[in-house]
């Protein structure tokens, strides 16, 4: 259950959304061309970095510890991938921790997780309460740690601390099982660097609370897409303007957007989220805080 607003599924609201006319219908016919970098030199060095691989998949290296978030390497049921993966996923062989924010198929993809697990027998999975049962069905021997919000995972690295943090979202993979697996995000701290990975979330007071409990991060990885129509989507996906407010609430130094440009999940065109985020940050005097890497481009920390 969310901290402030419990998510209650409504078939009638879904039906209302699907039956209404999309006001962006003409704009969505314009081809979308994502920016892709095929330079994978970041795989061959040991520098601290954050690499966006599309949607909510990030490769993060901190003090030679490697994290991979919400891996989705191809299409998912009902949705075709619109931006290509910038590298062969079999090259990802140095992953220490796999971070899974929740069970939705655009974040928790069985084929992608099995690929990562096969190539990284040393890897541990960090996720929310209840997720271990699902993952053990796919890979019985995979090490899994589950946590509730604000709980810290056990790690062997001396300066590393990883916490599961609240988001405003929900969970479901099939016809049943609504909210049986806990959703959330992650706060990673290693040395003097803090990274917040927001998973999926609508805007709410949890951002401010997380900063109060765990301190402000250096980098906030926040979703900005799948927000139209806002009357329906705002309960679990935030708009670019909401993402800017979330960034302020977290008191972060840099904002890296995600959850846009890879899967066409809502009414807005794929190009809109980043366009409106850039406008919102410029209007708020935050243009220098915004980092918008191409898919596959490393941000060195």
C-alpha atoms as a PDB file:
ATOM      1  CA  UNK A   1       0.000   0.000   0.000  1.00  0.00           C
ATOM      2  CA  UNK A   2       1.273   3.471  -0.839  1.00  0.00           C
ATOM      3  CA  UNK A   3       2.173   5.788   2.022  1.00  0.00           C
ATOM      4  CA  UNK A   4      -0.440   8.446   1.278  1.00  0.00           C
ATOM      5  CA  UNK A   5      -2.803   7.263  -1.437  1.00  0.00           C
ATOM      6  CA  UNK A   6      -3.636   3.536  -1.652  1.00  0.00           C
ATOM      7  CA  UNK A   7      -3.830   2.300  -5.241  1.00  0.00           C
ATOM      8  CA  UNK A   8      -7.188   0.736  -6.034  1.00  0.00           C
ATOM      9  CA  UNK A   9      -7.594  -0.708  -9.516  1.00  0.00           C
ATOM     10  CA  UNK A  10     -10.646   0.430 -11.464  1.00  0.00           C
ATOM     11  CA  UNK A  11     -11.718  -1.360 -14.642  1.00  0.00           C
ATOM     12  CA  UNK A  12     -14.048   1.539 -15.447  1.00  0.00           C
ATOM     13  CA  UNK A  13     -11.263   4.113 -15.372  1.00  0.00           C
ATOM     14  CA  UNK A  14      -9.154   1.977 -17.713  1.00  0.00           C
ATOM     15  CA  UNK A  15     -12.146   1.595 -20.023  1.00  0.00           C
ATOM     16  CA  UNK A  16     -12.816   5.352 -19.931  1.00  0.00           C
ATOM     17  CA  UNK A  17      -9.201   6.037 -20.925  1.00  0.00           C
ATOM     18  CA  UNK A  18      -9.223   3.536 -23.783  1.00  0.00           C
ATOM     19  CA  UNK A  19     -12.554   4.775 -25.166  1.00  0.00           C
ATOM     20  CA  UNK A  20     -11.696   8.472 -25.167  1.00  0.00           C
ATOM     21  CA  UNK A  21     -10.036  10.108 -28.163  1.00  0.00           C
ATOM     22  CA  UNK A  22      -6.300  10.674 -27.844  1.00  0.00           C
ATOM     23  CA  UNK A  23      -5.682  14.435 -28.304  1.00  0.00           C
ATOM     24  CA  UNK A  24      -2.115  13.653 -29.439  1.00  0.00           C
ATOM     25  CA  UNK A  25      -3.174  11.256 -32.189  1.00  0.00           C
ATOM     26  CA  UNK A  26      -1.699  13.302 -35.046  1.00  0.00           C
ATOM     27  CA  UNK A  27       1.533  14.119 -33.201  1.00  0.00           C
ATOM     28  CA  UNK A  28       2.101  10.417 -32.503  1.00  0.00           C
ATOM     29  CA  UNK A  29       2.310   9.746 -36.233  1.00  0.00           C
ATOM     30  CA  UNK A  30       5.583  11.701 -36.418  1.00  0.00           C
ATOM     31  CA  UNK A  31       8.488   9.194 -36.379  1.00  0.00           C
ATOM     32  CA  UNK A  32      10.534   9.173 -33.199  1.00  0.00           C
ATOM     33  CA  UNK A  33      14.305   8.875 -33.530  1.00  0.00           C
ATOM     34  CA  UNK A  34      16.131   8.213 -30.258  1.00  0.00           C
ATOM     35  CA  UNK A  35      19.722   9.281 -29.678  1.00  0.00           C
ATOM     36  CA  UNK A  36      21.913   6.181 -29.440  1.00  0.00           C
ATOM     37  CA  UNK A  37      25.593   5.857 -28.556  1.00  0.00           C
ATOM     38  CA  UNK A  38      27.379   2.659 -29.544  1.00  0.00           C
ATOM     39  CA  UNK A  39      30.578   3.581 -27.697  1.00  0.00           C
ATOM     40  CA  UNK A  40      30.882   0.881 -25.047  1.00  0.00           C
ATOM     41  CA  UNK A  41      34.348   1.861 -23.815  1.00  0.00           C
ATOM     42  CA  UNK A  42      32.792   2.278 -20.357  1.00  0.00           C
ATOM     43  CA  UNK A  43      32.720  -1.515 -20.149  1.00  0.00           C
ATOM     44  CA  UNK A  44      36.516  -1.663 -20.468  1.00  0.00           C
ATOM     45  CA  UNK A  45      37.436   0.784 -17.682  1.00  0.00           C
ATOM     46  CA  UNK A  46      36.871   1.022 -13.943  1.00  0.00           C
ATOM     47  CA  UNK A  47      35.660   4.614 -13.718  1.00  0.00           C
ATOM     48  CA  UNK A  48      32.553   5.471 -11.738  1.00  0.00           C
ATOM     49  CA  UNK A  49      29.721   5.921 -14.203  1.00  0.00           C
ATOM     50  CA  UNK A  50      25.999   5.859 -14.906  1.00  0.00           C
ATOM     51  CA  UNK A  51      24.927   4.520 -18.317  1.00  0.00           C
ATOM     52  CA  UNK A  52      21.314   4.654 -19.455  1.00  0.00           C
ATOM     53  CA  UNK A  53      20.412   1.598 -21.557  1.00  0.00           C
ATOM     54  CA  UNK A  54      16.838   2.695 -22.285  1.00  0.00           C
ATOM     55  CA  UNK A  55      13.563   2.883 -20.339  1.00  0.00           C
ATOM     56  CA  UNK A  56      14.567   2.234 -16.693  1.00  0.00           C
ATOM     57  CA  UNK A  57      17.640   0.089 -17.315  1.00  0.00           C
ATOM     58  CA  UNK A  58      20.883   1.602 -16.020  1.00  0.00           C
ATOM     59  CA  UNK A  59      24.399   0.262 -15.694  1.00  0.00           C
ATOM     60  CA  UNK A  60      25.941   1.903 -12.626  1.00  0.00           C
ATOM     61  CA  UNK A  61      29.509   1.489 -11.406  1.00  0.00           C
ATOM     62  CA  UNK A  62      30.602   2.882  -8.034  1.00  0.00           C
ATOM     63  CA  UNK A  63      34.018   2.060  -6.581  1.00  0.00           C
ATOM     64  CA  UNK A  64      34.211  -0.992  -8.896  1.00  0.00           C
ATOM     65  CA  UNK A  65      30.838  -2.300  -7.689  1.00  0.00           C
ATOM     66  CA  UNK A  66      28.397  -2.697 -10.584  1.00  0.00           C
ATOM     67  CA  UNK A  67      24.622  -2.377 -10.400  1.00  0.00           C
ATOM     68  CA  UNK A  68      22.058  -3.074 -13.106  1.00  0.00           C
ATOM     69  CA  UNK A  69      18.517  -1.737 -12.729  1.00  0.00           C
ATOM     70  CA  UNK A  70      15.242  -3.110 -14.137  1.00  0.00           C
ATOM     71  CA  UNK A  71      16.746  -4.901 -17.156  1.00  0.00           C
ATOM     72  CA  UNK A  72      14.555  -5.054 -20.264  1.00  0.00           C
ATOM     73  CA  UNK A  73      16.528  -5.883 -23.400  1.00  0.00           C
ATOM     74  CA  UNK A  74      13.809  -6.401 -26.032  1.00  0.00           C
ATOM     75  CA  UNK A  75      10.080  -6.289 -26.608  1.00  0.00           C
ATOM     76  CA  UNK A  76       7.587  -6.976 -23.826  1.00  0.00           C
ATOM     77  CA  UNK A  77       4.053  -8.407 -24.140  1.00  0.00           C
ATOM     78  CA  UNK A  78       1.849  -5.997 -26.138  1.00  0.00           C
ATOM     79  CA  UNK A  79       4.622  -3.405 -26.535  1.00  0.00           C
ATOM     80  CA  UNK A  80       7.432  -3.265 -29.075  1.00  0.00           C
ATOM     81  CA  UNK A  81      10.717  -1.672 -28.079  1.00  0.00           C
ATOM     82  CA  UNK A  82      11.107   1.642 -29.930  1.00  0.00           C
ATOM     83  CA  UNK A  83      14.757   2.348 -29.088  1.00  0.00           C
ATOM     84  CA  UNK A  84      17.416  -0.304 -29.724  1.00  0.00           C
ATOM     85  CA  UNK A  85      19.560  -1.681 -26.947  1.00  0.00           C
ATOM     86  CA  UNK A  86      23.009  -0.094 -27.461  1.00  0.00           C
ATOM     87  CA  UNK A  87      25.000  -3.286 -26.841  1.00  0.00           C
ATOM     88  CA  UNK A  88      24.790  -7.067 -26.758  1.00  0.00           C
ATOM     89  CA  UNK A  89      23.363  -7.854 -23.276  1.00  0.00           C
ATOM     90  CA  UNK A  90      25.707 -10.841 -23.041  1.00  0.00           C
ATOM     91  CA  UNK A  91      28.553  -8.338 -22.578  1.00  0.00           C
ATOM     92  CA  UNK A  92      27.162  -7.409 -19.160  1.00  0.00           C
ATOM     93  CA  UNK A  93      29.247  -9.903 -17.194  1.00  0.00           C
ATOM     94  CA  UNK A  94      30.517  -7.928 -14.209  1.00  0.00           C
ATOM     95  CA  UNK A  95      27.253  -7.202 -12.415  1.00  0.00           C
ATOM     96  CA  UNK A  96      27.322  -7.496  -8.613  1.00  0.00           C
ATOM     97  CA  UNK A  97      23.775  -6.367  -7.808  1.00  0.00           C
ATOM     98  CA  UNK A  98      20.582  -6.494  -9.848  1.00  0.00           C
ATOM     99  CA  UNK A  99      18.071  -3.925  -8.583  1.00  0.00           C
ATOM    100  CA  UNK A 100      14.402  -4.661  -9.367  1.00  0.00           C
ATOM    101  CA  UNK A 101      11.946  -1.900  -8.506  1.00  0.00           C
ATOM    102  CA  UNK A 102       8.708  -3.868  -9.000  1.00  0.00           C
ATOM    103  CA  UNK A 103       7.024  -6.672 -10.919  1.00  0.00           C
ATOM    104  CA  UNK A 104       5.569  -4.876 -13.966  1.00  0.00           C
ATOM    105  CA  UNK A 105       6.792  -6.390 -17.210  1.00  0.00           C
ATOM    106  CA  UNK A 106       8.506  -3.242 -18.470  1.00  0.00           C
ATOM    107  CA  UNK A 107      10.706  -3.386 -15.338  1.00  0.00           C
ATOM    108  CA  UNK A 108      10.831  -7.082 -14.440  1.00  0.00           C
ATOM    109  CA  UNK A 109      11.315  -8.996 -17.695  1.00  0.00           C
ATOM    110  CA  UNK A 110      11.822 -12.740 -17.345  1.00  0.00           C
ATOM    111  CA  UNK A 111      14.020 -13.335 -20.467  1.00  0.00           C
ATOM    112  CA  UNK A 112      16.257 -10.356 -19.646  1.00  0.00           C
ATOM    113  CA  UNK A 113      16.674 -11.368 -16.010  1.00  0.00           C
ATOM    114  CA  UNK A 114      17.522 -14.943 -17.007  1.00  0.00           C
ATOM    115  CA  UNK A 115      20.155 -13.633 -19.435  1.00  0.00           C
ATOM    116  CA  UNK A 116      21.770 -11.458 -16.771  1.00  0.00           C
ATOM    117  CA  UNK A 117      21.660 -14.255 -14.185  1.00  0.00           C
ATOM    118  CA  UNK A 118      23.250 -16.751 -16.582  1.00  0.00           C
ATOM    119  CA  UNK A 119      26.130 -14.368 -17.307  1.00  0.00           C
ATOM    120  CA  UNK A 120      26.625 -13.286 -13.691  1.00  0.00           C
ATOM    121  CA  UNK A 121      26.574 -16.266 -11.295  1.00  0.00           C
ATOM    122  CA  UNK A 122      28.109 -14.040  -8.587  1.00  0.00           C
ATOM    123  CA  UNK A 123      25.227 -11.543  -8.752  1.00  0.00           C
ATOM    124  CA  UNK A 124      22.680 -10.851  -6.025  1.00  0.00           C
ATOM    125  CA  UNK A 125      19.167  -9.555  -6.650  1.00  0.00           C
ATOM    126  CA  UNK A 126      17.860  -6.748  -4.443  1.00  0.00           C
ATOM    127  CA  UNK A 127      14.094  -6.168  -4.546  1.00  0.00           C
ATOM    128  CA  UNK A 128      10.915  -5.599  -2.542  1.00  0.00           C
ATOM    129  CA  UNK A 129       9.042  -7.910  -0.201  1.00  0.00           C
ATOM    130  CA  UNK A 130       7.394 -10.891  -1.881  1.00  0.00           C
ATOM    131  CA  UNK A 131       9.437 -10.732  -5.075  1.00  0.00           C
ATOM    132  CA  UNK A 132      11.668 -13.675  -4.143  1.00  0.00           C
ATOM    133  CA  UNK A 133       8.918 -16.217  -4.834  1.00  0.00           C
ATOM    134  CA  UNK A 134       8.496 -14.931  -8.382  1.00  0.00           C
ATOM    135  CA  UNK A 135      12.222 -14.825  -9.131  1.00  0.00           C
ATOM    136  CA  UNK A 136      12.945 -18.274  -7.699  1.00  0.00           C
ATOM    137  CA  UNK A 137      10.462 -19.755 -10.176  1.00  0.00           C
ATOM    138  CA  UNK A 138      12.616 -18.454 -13.017  1.00  0.00           C
ATOM    139  CA  UNK A 139      16.037 -19.137 -11.531  1.00  0.00           C
ATOM    140  CA  UNK A 140      15.898 -21.346  -8.402  1.00  0.00           C
ATOM    141  CA  UNK A 141      19.513 -20.739  -7.375  1.00  0.00           C
ATOM    142  CA  UNK A 142      19.658 -16.979  -7.760  1.00  0.00           C
ATOM    143  CA  UNK A 143      20.547 -15.153  -4.493  1.00  0.00           C
ATOM    144  CA  UNK A 144      17.710 -12.769  -3.613  1.00  0.00           C
ATOM    145  CA  UNK A 145      17.398 -10.222  -0.816  1.00  0.00           C
ATOM    146  CA  UNK A 146      14.022  -8.607  -0.190  1.00  0.00           C
ATOM    147  CA  UNK A 147      13.335  -5.496   1.862  1.00  0.00           C
ATOM    148  CA  UNK A 148      10.591  -3.216   3.027  1.00  0.00           C
ATOM    149  CA  UNK A 149      10.757   0.549   2.618  1.00  0.00           C
ATOM    150  CA  UNK A 150      13.754   2.183   4.328  1.00  0.00           C
ATOM    151  CA  UNK A 151      15.347  -1.182   5.069  1.00  0.00           C
ATOM    152  CA  UNK A 152      19.003  -1.630   4.207  1.00  0.00           C
ATOM    153  CA  UNK A 153      20.283  -4.647   2.269  1.00  0.00           C
ATOM    154  CA  UNK A 154      23.279  -6.665   3.421  1.00  0.00           C
ATOM    155  CA  UNK A 155      26.358  -5.944   1.311  1.00  0.00           C
ATOM    156  CA  UNK A 156      29.946  -7.104   1.646  1.00  0.00           C
ATOM    157  CA  UNK A 157      31.557  -3.886   0.377  1.00  0.00           C
ATOM    158  CA  UNK A 158      32.888  -1.733   3.223  1.00  0.00           C
ATOM    159  CA  UNK A 159      31.462   1.685   2.297  1.00  0.00           C
ATOM    160  CA  UNK A 160      28.414   0.517   0.305  1.00  0.00           C
ATOM    161  CA  UNK A 161      24.884   1.037   1.605  1.00  0.00           C
ATOM    162  CA  UNK A 162      21.754   0.216  -0.425  1.00  0.00           C
ATOM    163  CA  UNK A 163      18.253   1.018   0.823  1.00  0.00           C
ATOM    164  CA  UNK A 164      14.799   0.176  -0.565  1.00  0.00           C
ATOM    165  CA  UNK A 165      12.681   3.334  -0.581  1.00  0.00           C
ATOM    166  CA  UNK A 166       8.960   4.099  -1.102  1.00  0.00           C
ATOM    167  CA  UNK A 167       7.361   5.087  -4.390  1.00  0.00           C
ATOM    168  CA  UNK A 168       3.735   5.781  -5.322  1.00  0.00           C
ATOM    169  CA  UNK A 169       2.873   2.880  -7.587  1.00  0.00           C
ATOM    170  CA  UNK A 170       1.371  -0.630  -7.600  1.00  0.00           C
ATOM    171  CA  UNK A 171       2.151  -4.224  -8.591  1.00  0.00           C
ATOM    172  CA  UNK A 172       0.576  -6.869 -10.813  1.00  0.00           C
ATOM    173  CA  UNK A 173       1.763  -9.328 -13.469  1.00  0.00           C
ATOM    174  CA  UNK A 174      -1.377 -11.215 -14.504  1.00  0.00           C
ATOM    175  CA  UNK A 175      -5.092 -11.385 -13.883  1.00  0.00           C
ATOM    176  CA  UNK A 176      -4.593 -11.811 -10.148  1.00  0.00           C
ATOM    177  CA  UNK A 177      -1.988 -10.946  -7.567  1.00  0.00           C
ATOM    178  CA  UNK A 178      -2.592  -7.203  -7.345  1.00  0.00           C
ATOM    179  CA  UNK A 179      -0.134  -5.605  -4.888  1.00  0.00           C
ATOM    180  CA  UNK A 180       1.245  -8.921  -3.659  1.00  0.00           C
ATOM    181  CA  UNK A 181       4.828  -7.808  -4.415  1.00  0.00           C
ATOM    182  CA  UNK A 182       6.168  -4.586  -2.888  1.00  0.00           C
ATOM    183  CA  UNK A 183       7.242  -1.835  -5.306  1.00  0.00           C
ATOM    184  CA  UNK A 184       9.804   0.857  -4.577  1.00  0.00           C
ATOM    185  CA  UNK A 185      13.050   2.543  -5.521  1.00  0.00           C
ATOM    186  CA  UNK A 186      16.637   2.486  -4.287  1.00  0.00           C
ATOM    187  CA  UNK A 187      19.078   4.801  -2.586  1.00  0.00           C
ATOM    188  CA  UNK A 188      22.681   3.775  -3.218  1.00  0.00           C
ATOM    189  CA  UNK A 189      25.537   5.293  -1.244  1.00  0.00           C
ATOM    190  CA  UNK A 190      29.182   4.385  -1.801  1.00  0.00           C
ATOM    191  CA  UNK A 191      31.886   6.647  -0.463  1.00  0.00           C
ATOM    192  CA  UNK A 192      30.865  10.251  -1.068  1.00  0.00           C
ATOM    193  CA  UNK A 193      28.417   9.482  -3.898  1.00  0.00           C
ATOM    194  CA  UNK A 194      24.675   8.985  -3.540  1.00  0.00           C
ATOM    195  CA  UNK A 195      22.364   7.784  -6.337  1.00  0.00           C
ATOM    196  CA  UNK A 196      18.581   7.633  -6.141  1.00  0.00           C
ATOM    197  CA  UNK A 197      16.839   5.276  -8.595  1.00  0.00           C
ATOM    198  CA  UNK A 198      13.135   6.037  -8.599  1.00  0.00           C
ATOM    199  CA  UNK A 199      11.639   3.031 -10.382  1.00  0.00           C
ATOM    200  CA  UNK A 200       8.020   3.870 -11.318  1.00  0.00           C
ATOM    201  CA  UNK A 201       6.173   6.492  -9.335  1.00  0.00           C
ATOM    202  CA  UNK A 202       3.500   9.100  -9.252  1.00  0.00           C
ATOM    203  CA  UNK A 203       4.382  12.302  -7.427  1.00  0.00           C
ATOM    204  CA  UNK A 204       3.833  12.396  -3.683  1.00  0.00           C
ATOM    205  CA  UNK A 205       5.442  13.264  -0.370  1.00  0.00           C
ATOM    206  CA  UNK A 206       7.744  10.245  -0.341  1.00  0.00           C
ATOM    207  CA  UNK A 207      10.511  12.154  -2.146  1.00  0.00           C
ATOM    208  CA  UNK A 208      10.781  14.744   0.594  1.00  0.00           C
ATOM    209  CA  UNK A 209      10.538  12.043   3.250  1.00  0.00           C
ATOM    210  CA  UNK A 210      13.315   9.982   1.656  1.00  0.00           C
ATOM    211  CA  UNK A 211      15.639  12.988   1.664  1.00  0.00           C
ATOM    212  CA  UNK A 212      14.831  13.563   5.331  1.00  0.00           C
ATOM    213  CA  UNK A 213      15.487   9.932   6.263  1.00  0.00           C
ATOM    214  CA  UNK A 214      18.476   9.074   4.052  1.00  0.00           C
ATOM    215  CA  UNK A 215      19.902  12.433   3.007  1.00  0.00           C
ATOM    216  CA  UNK A 216      19.999  14.093  -0.384  1.00  0.00           C
ATOM    217  CA  UNK A 217      21.502  12.186  -3.347  1.00  0.00           C
ATOM    218  CA  UNK A 218      23.973  13.505  -5.896  1.00  0.00           C
ATOM    219  CA  UNK A 219      22.082  11.955  -8.795  1.00  0.00           C
ATOM    220  CA  UNK A 220      18.323  11.421  -9.039  1.00  0.00           C
ATOM    221  CA  UNK A 221      17.163   8.980 -11.734  1.00  0.00           C
ATOM    222  CA  UNK A 222      13.501   9.835 -12.213  1.00  0.00           C
ATOM    223  CA  UNK A 223      10.722   8.722 -14.548  1.00  0.00           C
ATOM    224  CA  UNK A 224       9.187  11.367 -16.814  1.00  0.00           C
ATOM    225  CA  UNK A 225       7.085   9.405 -19.344  1.00  0.00           C
ATOM    226  CA  UNK A 226       3.734   7.613 -19.710  1.00  0.00           C
ATOM    227  CA  UNK A 227       1.868  10.473 -18.003  1.00  0.00           C
ATOM    228  CA  UNK A 228      -1.029  11.266 -20.389  1.00  0.00           C
ATOM    229  CA  UNK A 229      -3.914  11.454 -19.730  1.00  0.00           C
ATOM    230  CA  UNK A 230      -2.857  12.930 -16.421  1.00  0.00           C
ATOM    231  CA  UNK A 231      -6.250  12.417 -14.761  1.00  0.00           C
ATOM    232  CA  UNK A 232      -5.602   8.672 -15.033  1.00  0.00           C
ATOM    233  CA  UNK A 233      -1.808   8.304 -15.062  1.00  0.00           C
ATOM    234  CA  UNK A 234      -0.835  10.727 -12.277  1.00  0.00           C
ATOM    235  CA  UNK A 235      -1.507   8.164  -9.551  1.00  0.00           C
ATOM    236  CA  UNK A 236       1.405   5.997 -10.702  1.00  0.00           C
ATOM    237  CA  UNK A 237       3.433   7.891 -13.371  1.00  0.00           C
ATOM    238  CA  UNK A 238       4.666  11.441 -12.914  1.00  0.00           C
ATOM    239  CA  UNK A 239       4.747  14.146 -15.570  1.00  0.00           C
ATOM    240  CA  UNK A 240       7.962  16.024 -16.439  1.00  0.00           C
ATOM    241  CA  UNK A 241       6.789  18.923 -14.257  1.00  0.00           C
ATOM    242  CA  UNK A 242       6.186  16.536 -11.359  1.00  0.00           C
ATOM    243  CA  UNK A 243       9.641  15.024 -11.896  1.00  0.00           C
ATOM    244  CA  UNK A 244      11.178  18.485 -11.488  1.00  0.00           C
ATOM    245  CA  UNK A 245       9.324  18.904  -8.207  1.00  0.00           C
ATOM    246  CA  UNK A 246      10.453  15.434  -7.104  1.00  0.00           C
ATOM    247  CA  UNK A 247      14.037  16.446  -7.905  1.00  0.00           C
ATOM    248  CA  UNK A 248      13.633  19.543  -5.737  1.00  0.00           C
ATOM    249  CA  UNK A 249      12.095  17.515  -2.914  1.00  0.00           C
ATOM    250  CA  UNK A 250      15.037  15.126  -2.972  1.00  0.00           C
ATOM    251  CA  UNK A 251      17.457  18.099  -2.920  1.00  0.00           C
ATOM    252  CA  UNK A 252      19.545  16.247  -5.487  1.00  0.00           C
ATOM    253  CA  UNK A 253      22.390  17.817  -7.464  1.00  0.00           C
ATOM    254  CA  UNK A 254      21.709  16.268 -10.877  1.00  0.00           C
ATOM    255  CA  UNK A 255      18.565  14.944 -12.568  1.00  0.00           C
ATOM    256  CA  UNK A 256      18.794  12.072 -15.063  1.00  0.00           C
ATOM    257  CA  UNK A 257      15.431  11.270 -16.719  1.00  0.00           C
ATOM    258  CA  UNK A 258      14.214   7.775 -17.578  1.00  0.00           C
ATOM    259  CA  UNK A 259      11.001   5.898 -18.422  1.00  0.00           C
ATOM    260  CA  UNK A 260      10.567   7.590 -21.777  1.00  0.00           C
ATOM    261  CA  UNK A 261      11.353   6.984 -25.427  1.00  0.00           C
ATOM    262  CA  UNK A 262      11.508   3.172 -25.286  1.00  0.00           C
ATOM    263  CA  UNK A 263       7.957   1.851 -24.930  1.00  0.00           C
ATOM    264  CA  UNK A 264       4.793   3.619 -26.093  1.00  0.00           C
ATOM    265  CA  UNK A 265       2.796   3.140 -22.884  1.00  0.00           C
ATOM    266  CA  UNK A 266       0.474   6.167 -22.846  1.00  0.00           C
ATOM    267  CA  UNK A 267      -1.154   8.901 -24.932  1.00  0.00           C
ATOM    268  CA  UNK A 268       1.718  11.372 -25.282  1.00  0.00           C
ATOM    269  CA  UNK A 269       4.216  11.081 -28.176  1.00  0.00           C
ATOM    270  CA  UNK A 270       7.553   9.528 -27.258  1.00  0.00           C
ATOM    271  CA  UNK A 271       9.377  12.820 -27.850  1.00  0.00           C
ATOM    272  CA  UNK A 272       7.222  14.893 -25.483  1.00  0.00           C
ATOM    273  CA  UNK A 273       8.547  13.897 -22.025  1.00  0.00           C
ATOM    274  CA  UNK A 274      12.132  15.058 -22.623  1.00  0.00           C
ATOM    275  CA  UNK A 275      10.992  18.151 -24.524  1.00  0.00           C
ATOM    276  CA  UNK A 276       8.756  19.289 -21.662  1.00  0.00           C
ATOM    277  CA  UNK A 277      11.327  18.336 -19.036  1.00  0.00           C
ATOM    278  CA  UNK A 278      13.902  20.571 -20.718  1.00  0.00           C
ATOM    279  CA  UNK A 279      11.379  23.422 -20.765  1.00  0.00           C
ATOM    280  CA  UNK A 280      10.477  22.891 -17.106  1.00  0.00           C
ATOM    281  CA  UNK A 281      14.091  22.789 -15.897  1.00  0.00           C
ATOM    282  CA  UNK A 282      14.988  25.873 -17.947  1.00  0.00           C
ATOM    283  CA  UNK A 283      11.997  27.772 -16.560  1.00  0.00           C
ATOM    284  CA  UNK A 284      12.996  26.802 -13.029  1.00  0.00           C
ATOM    285  CA  UNK A 285      16.649  27.756 -13.442  1.00  0.00           C
ATOM    286  CA  UNK A 286      17.716  24.106 -13.291  1.00  0.00           C
ATOM    287  CA  UNK A 287      19.067  23.617 -16.806  1.00  0.00           C
ATOM    288  CA  UNK A 288      22.590  22.981 -15.526  1.00  0.00           C
ATOM    289  CA  UNK A 289      21.306  20.283 -13.174  1.00  0.00           C
ATOM    290  CA  UNK A 290      19.712  18.273 -15.995  1.00  0.00           C
ATOM    291  CA  UNK A 291      21.768  15.492 -17.612  1.00  0.00           C
ATOM    292  CA  UNK A 292      20.258  13.930 -20.743  1.00  0.00           C
ATOM    293  CA  UNK A 293      22.619  11.243 -22.014  1.00  0.00           C
ATOM    294  CA  UNK A 294      21.991   9.331 -25.209  1.00  0.00           C
ATOM    295  CA  UNK A 295      21.069   5.693 -24.741  1.00  0.00           C
ATOM    296  CA  UNK A 296      24.379   3.923 -24.188  1.00  0.00           C
ATOM    297  CA  UNK A 297      26.330   7.097 -23.330  1.00  0.00           C
ATOM    298  CA  UNK A 298      28.300   7.062 -20.081  1.00  0.00           C
ATOM    299  CA  UNK A 299      28.057   9.831 -17.517  1.00  0.00           C
ATOM    300  CA  UNK A 300      31.325   9.701 -15.585  1.00  0.00           C
ATOM    301  CA  UNK A 301      31.002  10.675 -11.948  1.00  0.00           C
END
